[in-house]
C-alpha atoms as a PDB file:
ATOM      1  CA  MET A   1      82.417 100.135 131.172  1.00  0.00           C
ATOM      2  CA  PRO A   2      85.757 101.554 130.577  1.00  0.00           C
ATOM      3  CA  ARG A   3      86.475 105.064 131.688  1.00  0.00           C
ATOM      4  CA  ARG A   4      87.126 106.167 128.252  1.00  0.00           C
ATOM      5  CA  SER A   5      83.976 105.093 126.615  1.00  0.00           C
ATOM      6  CA  VAL A   6      81.852 106.937 129.314  1.00  0.00           C
ATOM      7  CA  ALA A   7      83.923 110.084 128.683  1.00  0.00           C
ATOM      8  CA  ARG A   8      83.117 109.567 124.810  1.00  0.00           C
ATOM      9  CA  ILE A   9      79.368 108.790 125.505  1.00  0.00           C
ATOM     10  CA  ILE A  10      79.284 112.234 127.609  1.00  0.00           C
ATOM     11  CA  GLN A  11      81.057 114.001 124.601  1.00  0.00           C
ATOM     12  CA  VAL A  12      78.731 112.732 122.066  1.00  0.00           C
ATOM     13  CA  THR A  13      75.670 113.755 124.126  1.00  0.00           C
ATOM     14  CA  ALA A  14      76.920 117.060 124.783  1.00  0.00           C
ATOM     15  CA  VAL A  15      77.231 117.435 120.977  1.00  0.00           C
ATOM     16  CA  LEU A  16      73.963 116.169 120.058  1.00  0.00           C
ATOM     17  CA  SER A  17      72.479 118.775 122.851  1.00  0.00           C
ATOM     18  CA  VAL A  18      74.175 121.596 121.338  1.00  0.00           C
ATOM     19  CA  LEU A  19      73.175 120.561 117.825  1.00  0.00           C
ATOM     20  CA  GLY A  20      69.765 120.081 119.281  1.00  0.00           C
ATOM     21  CA  THR A  21      69.615 123.555 120.739  1.00  0.00           C
ATOM     22  CA  VAL A  22      70.842 125.159 117.762  1.00  0.00           C
ATOM     23  CA  VAL A  23      68.316 123.614 115.250  1.00  0.00           C
ATOM     24  CA  GLY A  24      65.650 123.754 117.695  1.00  0.00           C
ATOM     25  CA  GLY A  25      66.366 127.471 118.441  1.00  0.00           C
ATOM     26  CA  ILE A  26      66.351 128.398 114.747  1.00  0.00           C
ATOM     27  CA  LEU A  27      62.976 126.382 114.114  1.00  0.00           C
ATOM     28  CA  GLY A  28      61.427 128.001 117.394  1.00  0.00           C
ATOM     29  CA  ALA A  29      62.229 131.418 116.052  1.00  0.00           C
ATOM     30  CA  GLY A  30      61.061 130.558 112.541  1.00  0.00           C
ATOM     31  CA  LEU A  31      57.588 129.001 113.736  1.00  0.00           C
ATOM     32  CA  VAL A  32      56.949 131.895 116.106  1.00  0.00           C
ATOM     33  CA  ALA A  33      57.456 134.392 112.919  1.00  0.00           C
ATOM     34  CA  LEU A  34      55.074 132.067 111.150  1.00  0.00           C
ATOM     35  CA  LEU A  35      52.574 131.971 113.844  1.00  0.00           C
ATOM     36  CA  GLY A  36      52.567 135.865 114.002  1.00  0.00           C
ATOM     37  CA  LEU A  37      51.993 136.047 110.259  1.00  0.00           C
ATOM     38  CA  ARG A  38      49.148 133.479 110.679  1.00  0.00           C
ATOM     39  CA  MET A  39      47.498 135.463 113.152  1.00  0.00           C
ATOM     40  CA  GLY A  40      47.950 138.783 110.828  1.00  0.00           C
ATOM     41  CA  ASP A  41      50.729 140.272 113.073  1.00  0.00           C
ATOM     42  CA  PHE A  42      53.473 141.438 110.667  1.00  0.00           C
ATOM     43  CA  ARG A  43      55.208 143.001 113.440  1.00  0.00           C
ATOM     44  CA  ILE A  44      56.681 140.263 115.487  1.00  0.00           C
ATOM     45  CA  SER A  45      58.657 141.615 118.598  1.00  0.00           C
ATOM     46  CA  GLY A  46      62.189 140.455 119.445  1.00  0.00           C
ATOM     47  CA  GLU A  47      60.489 139.207 122.761  1.00  0.00           C
ATOM     48  CA  GLU A  48      58.310 136.736 121.073  1.00  0.00           C
ATOM     49  CA  LEU A  49      61.232 135.774 118.702  1.00  0.00           C
ATOM     50  CA  PHE A  50      63.281 135.170 122.022  1.00  0.00           C
ATOM     51  CA  TYR A  51      60.794 132.973 123.696  1.00  0.00           C
ATOM     52  CA  GLY A  52      60.475 131.099 120.442  1.00  0.00           C
ATOM     53  CA  THR A  53      64.193 130.565 120.126  1.00  0.00           C
ATOM     54  CA  VAL A  54      64.403 129.628 123.877  1.00  0.00           C
ATOM     55  CA  PHE A  55      61.468 126.977 123.824  1.00  0.00           C
ATOM     56  CA  GLY A  56      62.677 125.508 120.584  1.00  0.00           C
ATOM     57  CA  GLY A  57      66.142 125.362 121.826  1.00  0.00           C
ATOM     58  CA  ALA A  58      65.121 123.948 125.192  1.00  0.00           C
ATOM     59  CA  MET A  59      63.168 121.130 123.409  1.00  0.00           C
ATOM     60  CA  GLY A  60      66.066 120.290 120.981  1.00  0.00           C
ATOM     61  CA  ALA A  61      68.393 120.244 123.815  1.00  0.00           C
ATOM     62  CA  VAL A  62      66.651 117.416 125.267  1.00  0.00           C
ATOM     63  CA  LEU A  63      64.764 115.605 122.479  1.00  0.00           C
ATOM     64  CA  ALA A  64      67.994 115.445 120.208  1.00  0.00           C
ATOM     65  CA  PRO A  65      70.172 113.420 122.465  1.00  0.00           C
ATOM     66  CA  LEU A  66      67.119 111.374 123.986  1.00  0.00           C
ATOM     67  CA  ALA A  67      66.020 110.558 120.186  1.00  0.00           C
ATOM     68  CA  ALA A  68      69.647 110.106 118.812  1.00  0.00           C
ATOM     69  CA  TRP A  69      70.593 107.353 121.534  1.00  0.00           C
ATOM     70  CA  THR A  70      67.162 105.713 121.732  1.00  0.00           C
ATOM     71  CA  LEU A  71      65.755 105.509 118.115  1.00  0.00           C
ATOM     72  CA  MET A  72      68.497 106.826 115.675  1.00  0.00           C
ATOM     73  CA  ARG A  73      71.689 105.058 116.802  1.00  0.00           C
ATOM     74  CA  ARG A  74      72.458 103.685 113.342  1.00  0.00           C
ATOM     75  CA  VAL A  75      71.311 106.912 111.412  1.00  0.00           C
ATOM     76  CA  PRO A  76      73.676 109.425 109.989  1.00  0.00           C
ATOM     77  CA  ILE A  77      73.504 112.658 111.985  1.00  0.00           C
ATOM     78  CA  TRP A  78      72.764 114.724 108.717  1.00  0.00           C
ATOM     79  CA  ARG A  79      69.734 112.451 108.163  1.00  0.00           C
ATOM     80  CA  ALA A  80      68.764 112.642 111.739  1.00  0.00           C
ATOM     81  CA  ILE A  81      68.769 116.520 111.800  1.00  0.00           C
ATOM     82  CA  ALA A  82      67.237 117.150 108.507  1.00  0.00           C
ATOM     83  CA  GLU A  83      64.393 114.591 109.033  1.00  0.00           C
ATOM     84  CA  THR A  84      63.564 115.319 112.490  1.00  0.00           C
ATOM     85  CA  ALA A  85      63.726 119.318 111.653  1.00  0.00           C
ATOM     86  CA  VAL A  86      61.139 118.387 108.676  1.00  0.00           C
ATOM     87  CA  GLY A  87      58.901 116.305 111.042  1.00  0.00           C
ATOM     88  CA  THR A  88      58.869 119.192 113.571  1.00  0.00           C
ATOM     89  CA  VAL A  89      57.954 121.871 110.980  1.00  0.00           C
ATOM     90  CA  GLY A  90      55.254 119.589 109.344  1.00  0.00           C
ATOM     91  CA  GLY A  91      53.723 118.940 112.700  1.00  0.00           C
ATOM     92  CA  ALA A  92      53.865 122.691 113.613  1.00  0.00           C
ATOM     93  CA  MET A  93      52.525 123.615 110.278  1.00  0.00           C
ATOM     94  CA  ILE A  94      49.458 121.496 110.770  1.00  0.00           C
ATOM     95  CA  GLY A  95      48.888 123.084 114.157  1.00  0.00           C
ATOM     96  CA  LEU A  96      49.177 126.542 112.556  1.00  0.00           C
ATOM     97  CA  ILE A  97      46.361 125.627 109.932  1.00  0.00           C
ATOM     98  CA  PHE A  98      43.967 123.793 112.093  1.00  0.00           C
ATOM     99  CA  GLN A  99      44.207 125.292 115.376  1.00  0.00           C
ATOM    100  CA  PRO A 100      42.545 128.595 114.520  1.00  0.00           C
ATOM    101  CA  LEU A 101      39.797 126.460 112.914  1.00  0.00           C
ATOM    102  CA  ARG A 102      39.398 124.318 116.251  1.00  0.00           C
ATOM    103  CA  ASP A 103      40.291 125.934 119.190  1.00  0.00           C
ATOM    104  CA  THR A 104      41.613 122.914 120.872  1.00  0.00           C
ATOM    105  CA  ALA A 105      44.818 122.504 122.882  1.00  0.00           C
ATOM    106  CA  TRP A 106      46.072 119.188 121.226  1.00  0.00           C
ATOM    107  CA  LEU A 107      46.196 120.945 117.963  1.00  0.00           C
ATOM    108  CA  SER A 108      48.829 123.431 119.210  1.00  0.00           C
ATOM    109  CA  PRO A 109      51.839 124.052 117.039  1.00  0.00           C
ATOM    110  CA  PRO A 110      54.176 123.445 119.710  1.00  0.00           C
ATOM    111  CA  LEU A 111      52.419 120.059 120.673  1.00  0.00           C
ATOM    112  CA  LEU A 112      52.335 119.074 117.192  1.00  0.00           C
ATOM    113  CA  GLY A 113      55.696 120.037 116.515  1.00  0.00           C
ATOM    114  CA  ILE A 114      56.972 117.812 119.075  1.00  0.00           C
ATOM    115  CA  ALA A 115      54.785 115.044 117.876  1.00  0.00           C
ATOM    116  CA  GLY A 116      56.153 115.677 114.265  1.00  0.00           C
ATOM    117  CA  PHE A 117      59.669 115.376 115.596  1.00  0.00           C
ATOM    118  CA  ALA A 118      58.827 112.069 117.516  1.00  0.00           C
ATOM    119  CA  LEU A 119      57.371 110.345 114.362  1.00  0.00           C
ATOM    120  CA  ALA A 120      60.129 111.491 112.326  1.00  0.00           C
ATOM    121  CA  ALA A 121      62.602 109.839 114.870  1.00  0.00           C
ATOM    122  CA  ILE A 122      60.307 106.721 114.951  1.00  0.00           C
ATOM    123  CA  ARG A 123      60.255 106.698 111.055  1.00  0.00           C
ATOM    124  CA  LEU A 124      64.089 106.675 111.035  1.00  0.00           C
ATOM    125  CA  ARG A 125      64.130 103.688 113.430  1.00  0.00           C
ATOM    126  CA  LEU A 126      62.242 101.414 111.162  1.00  0.00           C
ATOM    127  CA  PRO A 127      63.931  99.389 108.371  1.00  0.00           C
ATOM    128  CA  ARG A 128      63.873 100.768 104.973  1.00  0.00           C
ATOM    129  CA  ARG A 129      62.017  99.066 102.305  1.00  0.00           C
ATOM    130  CA  GLY A 130      63.691  98.389  99.046  1.00  0.00           C
ATOM    131  CA  ARG A 131      66.967  98.028 100.673  1.00  0.00           C
ATOM    132  CA  ARG A 132      68.326  94.474 100.425  1.00  0.00           C
ATOM    133  CA  SER A 133      70.418  93.223 103.419  1.00  0.00           C
ATOM    134  CA  GLY A 134      74.080  92.392 102.989  1.00  0.00           C
ATOM    135  CA  VAL A 135      73.424  88.617 102.550  1.00  0.00           C
ATOM    136  CA  ASP A 136      70.615  89.128 100.035  1.00  0.00           C
ATOM    137  CA  ALA A 137      73.021  91.552  98.116  1.00  0.00           C
ATOM    138  CA  GLN A 138      75.741  89.102  97.959  1.00  0.00           C
ATOM    139  CA  ALA A 139      73.661  86.223  96.813  1.00  0.00           C
ATOM    140  CA  GLY A 140      71.781  88.154  94.144  1.00  0.00           C
END
């Protein structure tokens, strides 16, 4: 592998990690705020928001490049960011709604947020229905 392509891979991975950190941090802080509201605590401390930001940022820094290189290589970056963010929030919201009803660890918002991220990334990997391939489009 040429040296230039290795450097390019490192650069792209670093950018993906930074994007994942930023988006994950924002989502982490937002979900901590929602968790506080769900629990009836309308005064969320800066420390709680900090920990939510750090956790979300750390998860984003690791999961974004990992998912991008393994599952979403041919997906536009805006779709990868938007749809995995929606999956993360969707999973965490399910946890926010159902964990208080059933006090089990597998319904925790962070765990379901990560699961939502993974499911969104896997969904982006699957071929889209209703789209015709280049050969079919030219013939028809």
